[in-house]
């Protein structure tokens, strides 16, 4: 039986952690559109070179190129029982194309877990990260604070915050995500397969809740 799961969630929702846990529990490959792009570009495939041409010019890679990469990845042997996808589709047009791809494989999207976390919590999770200057050890003001404020526990170097982790940048990233993803959320909601998961719970509880909805979907 083929099982296809799409995992949605904003930056800081813990999507990467959940994807790893779910793939182990369900024996499915984790397919990330970002990984596929990097792999094709690294291996200088025809599609990779085509995508790189757009990226180098500062342009978005056309949906047709992305969709072809996804189709090729899903045709590989490790996807014979399905896959968990992260980062694709990104919009309703890609979602419709993805439905067509899965029809060709004899499958369909079974369930779309959406890990929901309120914006203030997302900002706290993402903007609390600090890195040490020498070796890049990572700390968090709330979840993994250093013993001495501003100093790395391991090498004694000062801690600094990357631009990507500052409150203003983080807040903008989250809002852009919601704006871009809302049409996709609406698309799957109308199809009746979107299930909202409370992402403020423990990692283990979030995993259990997602697995429950996967099994309820008949997967």
Protein backbone atom coordinates (compact mmCIF):
# COMPACT_ATOMS: atom_id res chain seq x y z
CA UNK A 1 0.00 0.00 0.00
CA UNK A 2 1.34 3.42 -0.99
CA UNK A 3 1.46 6.12 1.69
CA UNK A 4 2.12 9.78 0.89
CA UNK A 5 2.24 12.32 3.72
CA UNK A 6 2.83 16.07 3.39
CA UNK A 7 4.17 17.79 6.50
CA UNK A 8 3.42 21.50 6.87
CA UNK A 9 4.58 23.92 9.54
CA UNK A 10 6.22 27.34 9.89
CA UNK A 11 9.88 27.91 10.78
CA UNK A 12 10.41 26.90 14.41
CA UNK A 13 7.50 24.43 14.51
CA UNK A 14 9.85 21.45 14.76
CA UNK A 15 9.03 20.09 11.33
CA UNK A 16 12.53 18.69 10.70
CA UNK A 17 12.59 16.84 14.02
CA UNK A 18 9.14 15.40 13.39
CA UNK A 19 10.00 14.36 9.83
CA UNK A 20 12.94 12.29 11.09
CA UNK A 21 10.88 10.60 13.79
CA UNK A 22 7.93 9.90 11.48
CA UNK A 23 10.08 8.43 8.73
CA UNK A 24 11.66 6.00 11.19
CA UNK A 25 8.28 5.04 12.66
CA UNK A 26 6.64 4.55 9.25
CA UNK A 27 9.68 3.26 7.31
CA UNK A 28 9.26 5.98 4.68
CA UNK A 29 11.93 8.14 2.99
CA UNK A 30 12.03 11.83 3.86
CA UNK A 31 11.88 13.89 0.68
CA UNK A 32 12.89 17.53 1.02
CA UNK A 33 12.67 19.75 -2.04
CA UNK A 34 15.74 21.64 -0.81
CA UNK A 35 17.76 18.43 -0.61
CA UNK A 36 16.66 17.43 -4.12
CA UNK A 37 17.77 20.79 -5.53
CA UNK A 38 21.15 20.58 -3.81
CA UNK A 39 21.68 16.96 -4.93
CA UNK A 40 20.86 17.70 -8.58
CA UNK A 41 23.03 20.83 -8.64
CA UNK A 42 25.93 19.02 -6.92
CA UNK A 43 25.75 16.10 -9.38
CA UNK A 44 25.39 18.50 -12.31
CA UNK A 45 22.36 16.70 -13.69
CA UNK A 46 20.51 18.24 -16.62
CA UNK A 47 17.77 19.42 -14.27
CA UNK A 48 20.34 20.62 -11.73
CA UNK A 49 22.14 22.73 -14.33
CA UNK A 50 18.80 24.14 -15.50
CA UNK A 51 17.78 25.05 -11.93
CA UNK A 52 21.22 26.56 -11.20
CA UNK A 53 20.86 28.83 -14.22
CA UNK A 54 17.70 30.36 -12.76
CA UNK A 55 19.13 30.56 -9.22
CA UNK A 56 22.35 32.23 -10.39
CA UNK A 57 20.25 34.89 -12.15
CA UNK A 58 18.28 35.50 -8.96
CA UNK A 59 15.12 34.05 -10.47
CA UNK A 60 12.69 31.49 -9.09
CA UNK A 61 13.05 27.98 -10.48
CA UNK A 62 9.93 27.29 -12.60
CA UNK A 63 7.38 24.85 -11.20
CA UNK A 64 7.92 22.58 -14.20
CA UNK A 65 11.57 21.98 -13.24
CA UNK A 66 10.75 21.40 -9.55
CA UNK A 67 7.90 19.02 -10.40
CA UNK A 68 10.10 16.99 -12.76
CA UNK A 69 12.73 16.64 -10.01
CA UNK A 70 10.08 15.45 -7.56
CA UNK A 71 8.70 12.94 -10.07
CA UNK A 72 12.16 11.49 -10.66
CA UNK A 73 12.83 11.23 -6.91
CA UNK A 74 9.51 9.47 -6.26
CA UNK A 75 10.27 6.93 -8.99
CA UNK A 76 13.35 5.67 -7.11
CA UNK A 77 13.30 2.30 -5.37
CA UNK A 78 13.22 3.59 -1.78
CA UNK A 79 9.88 5.29 -2.53
CA UNK A 80 8.17 2.05 -3.56
CA UNK A 81 5.91 2.24 -0.49
CA UNK A 82 5.42 6.03 -0.50
CA UNK A 83 7.18 8.99 1.09
CA UNK A 84 6.97 11.86 3.55
CA UNK A 85 7.39 15.20 1.79
CA UNK A 86 8.63 18.45 3.25
CA UNK A 87 8.91 21.72 1.31
CA UNK A 88 6.85 20.55 -1.65
CA UNK A 89 4.30 21.45 -2.84
CA UNK A 90 4.56 25.17 -2.04
CA UNK A 91 1.43 26.43 -3.79
CA UNK A 92 -1.90 25.12 -5.14
CA UNK A 93 -0.53 24.83 -8.71
CA UNK A 94 2.26 22.53 -7.48
CA UNK A 95 -0.28 20.64 -5.36
CA UNK A 96 -2.46 19.94 -8.39
CA UNK A 97 0.57 18.79 -10.39
CA UNK A 98 1.59 16.59 -7.46
CA UNK A 99 -1.86 14.98 -7.40
CA UNK A 100 -1.37 14.08 -11.08
CA UNK A 101 2.08 12.60 -10.40
CA UNK A 102 0.70 10.42 -7.62
CA UNK A 103 -2.17 9.24 -9.81
CA UNK A 104 0.45 7.98 -12.27
CA UNK A 105 2.07 6.05 -9.42
CA UNK A 106 -1.30 4.72 -8.27
CA UNK A 107 -1.38 6.75 -5.07
CA UNK A 108 -2.70 9.96 -3.52
CA UNK A 109 -1.95 12.34 -0.66
CA UNK A 110 -3.26 10.50 2.40
CA UNK A 111 -2.99 13.18 5.06
CA UNK A 112 -1.49 16.65 5.55
CA UNK A 113 -0.48 17.27 9.20
CA UNK A 114 -0.08 21.00 9.84
CA UNK A 115 2.02 21.69 12.94
CA UNK A 116 0.53 24.85 14.40
CA UNK A 117 2.47 26.99 16.87
CA UNK A 118 1.46 30.57 17.88
CA UNK A 119 3.78 33.26 16.51
CA UNK A 120 5.13 34.46 19.91
CA UNK A 121 6.34 30.92 20.69
CA UNK A 122 7.91 30.54 17.24
CA UNK A 123 9.75 33.84 17.72
CA UNK A 124 10.98 32.73 21.15
CA UNK A 125 12.23 29.42 19.77
CA UNK A 126 14.04 30.94 16.80
CA UNK A 127 15.35 34.21 18.22
CA UNK A 128 16.80 32.65 21.38
CA UNK A 129 19.66 30.93 19.57
CA UNK A 130 23.25 32.03 20.18
CA UNK A 131 26.47 30.64 18.65
CA UNK A 132 29.97 30.60 20.07
CA UNK A 133 32.63 32.45 18.07
CA UNK A 134 35.30 29.73 18.03
CA UNK A 135 33.62 26.42 17.22
CA UNK A 136 29.98 27.30 16.59
CA UNK A 137 28.47 25.58 19.65
CA UNK A 138 24.78 26.45 19.81
CA UNK A 139 22.92 27.63 22.92
CA UNK A 140 19.40 28.87 23.55
CA UNK A 141 18.34 31.50 26.07
CA UNK A 142 15.40 29.38 27.27
CA UNK A 143 15.94 25.75 26.26
CA UNK A 144 19.73 25.41 26.52
CA UNK A 145 21.26 28.47 28.23
CA UNK A 146 25.03 28.71 28.85
CA UNK A 147 26.21 28.47 32.45
CA UNK A 148 27.58 32.01 32.20
CA UNK A 149 25.60 34.49 30.13
CA UNK A 150 27.32 35.33 26.84
CA UNK A 151 30.12 32.76 27.29
CA UNK A 152 30.44 29.31 25.67
CA UNK A 153 30.49 26.42 28.17
CA UNK A 154 32.98 24.45 26.07
CA UNK A 155 35.67 26.81 24.80
CA UNK A 156 35.08 30.05 26.73
CA UNK A 157 34.58 32.18 23.62
CA UNK A 158 31.96 34.89 23.41
CA UNK A 159 28.50 34.13 22.08
CA UNK A 160 26.95 36.04 19.20
CA UNK A 161 23.60 36.01 17.43
CA UNK A 162 23.38 35.52 13.66
CA UNK A 163 21.34 38.00 11.64
CA UNK A 164 18.96 35.16 10.70
CA UNK A 165 18.19 34.58 14.38
CA UNK A 166 17.37 38.17 15.35
CA UNK A 167 13.77 38.96 16.32
CA UNK A 168 13.04 41.25 13.36
CA UNK A 169 14.34 38.72 10.81
CA UNK A 170 12.61 35.78 12.48
CA UNK A 171 9.27 37.62 12.67
CA UNK A 172 9.45 38.49 8.99
CA UNK A 173 10.30 34.89 8.02
CA UNK A 174 7.28 33.58 9.92
CA UNK A 175 4.89 36.12 8.40
CA UNK A 176 6.17 35.47 4.87
CA UNK A 177 5.69 31.75 5.42
CA UNK A 178 2.08 32.19 6.55
CA UNK A 179 1.29 34.49 3.63
CA UNK A 180 2.80 32.12 1.07
CA UNK A 181 1.44 28.92 2.60
CA UNK A 182 -2.15 29.95 3.38
CA UNK A 183 -3.43 29.14 -0.15
CA UNK A 184 -1.90 25.65 0.16
CA UNK A 185 -3.49 25.16 3.59
CA UNK A 186 -6.84 26.20 2.11
CA UNK A 187 -6.35 23.77 -0.80
CA UNK A 188 -5.88 20.75 1.46
CA UNK A 189 -8.51 21.92 3.92
CA UNK A 190 -11.09 21.89 1.13
CA UNK A 191 -10.00 18.35 0.22
CA UNK A 192 -10.64 17.31 3.83
CA UNK A 193 -7.18 15.91 4.49
CA UNK A 194 -5.55 18.77 6.43
CA UNK A 195 -5.23 18.04 10.16
CA UNK A 196 -3.97 20.69 12.58
CA UNK A 197 -1.50 19.43 15.19
CA UNK A 198 -0.72 21.33 18.39
CA UNK A 199 3.00 22.04 18.07
CA UNK A 200 3.34 23.50 21.56
CA UNK A 201 3.31 20.01 23.09
CA UNK A 202 6.38 17.87 23.80
CA UNK A 203 8.21 16.44 20.80
CA UNK A 204 7.00 12.96 21.72
CA UNK A 205 3.35 14.05 22.00
CA UNK A 206 3.46 15.85 18.65
CA UNK A 207 4.88 12.69 17.04
CA UNK A 208 2.18 10.55 18.66
CA UNK A 209 -0.58 12.89 17.47
CA UNK A 210 0.71 12.88 13.90
CA UNK A 211 1.03 9.10 13.85
CA UNK A 212 -2.55 8.85 15.15
CA UNK A 213 -3.94 10.94 12.28
CA UNK A 214 -1.84 9.00 9.78
CA UNK A 215 -3.30 5.72 11.00
CA UNK A 216 -6.82 7.19 11.12
CA UNK A 217 -6.45 8.17 7.45
CA UNK A 218 -6.11 4.50 6.62
CA UNK A 219 -2.41 4.70 5.87
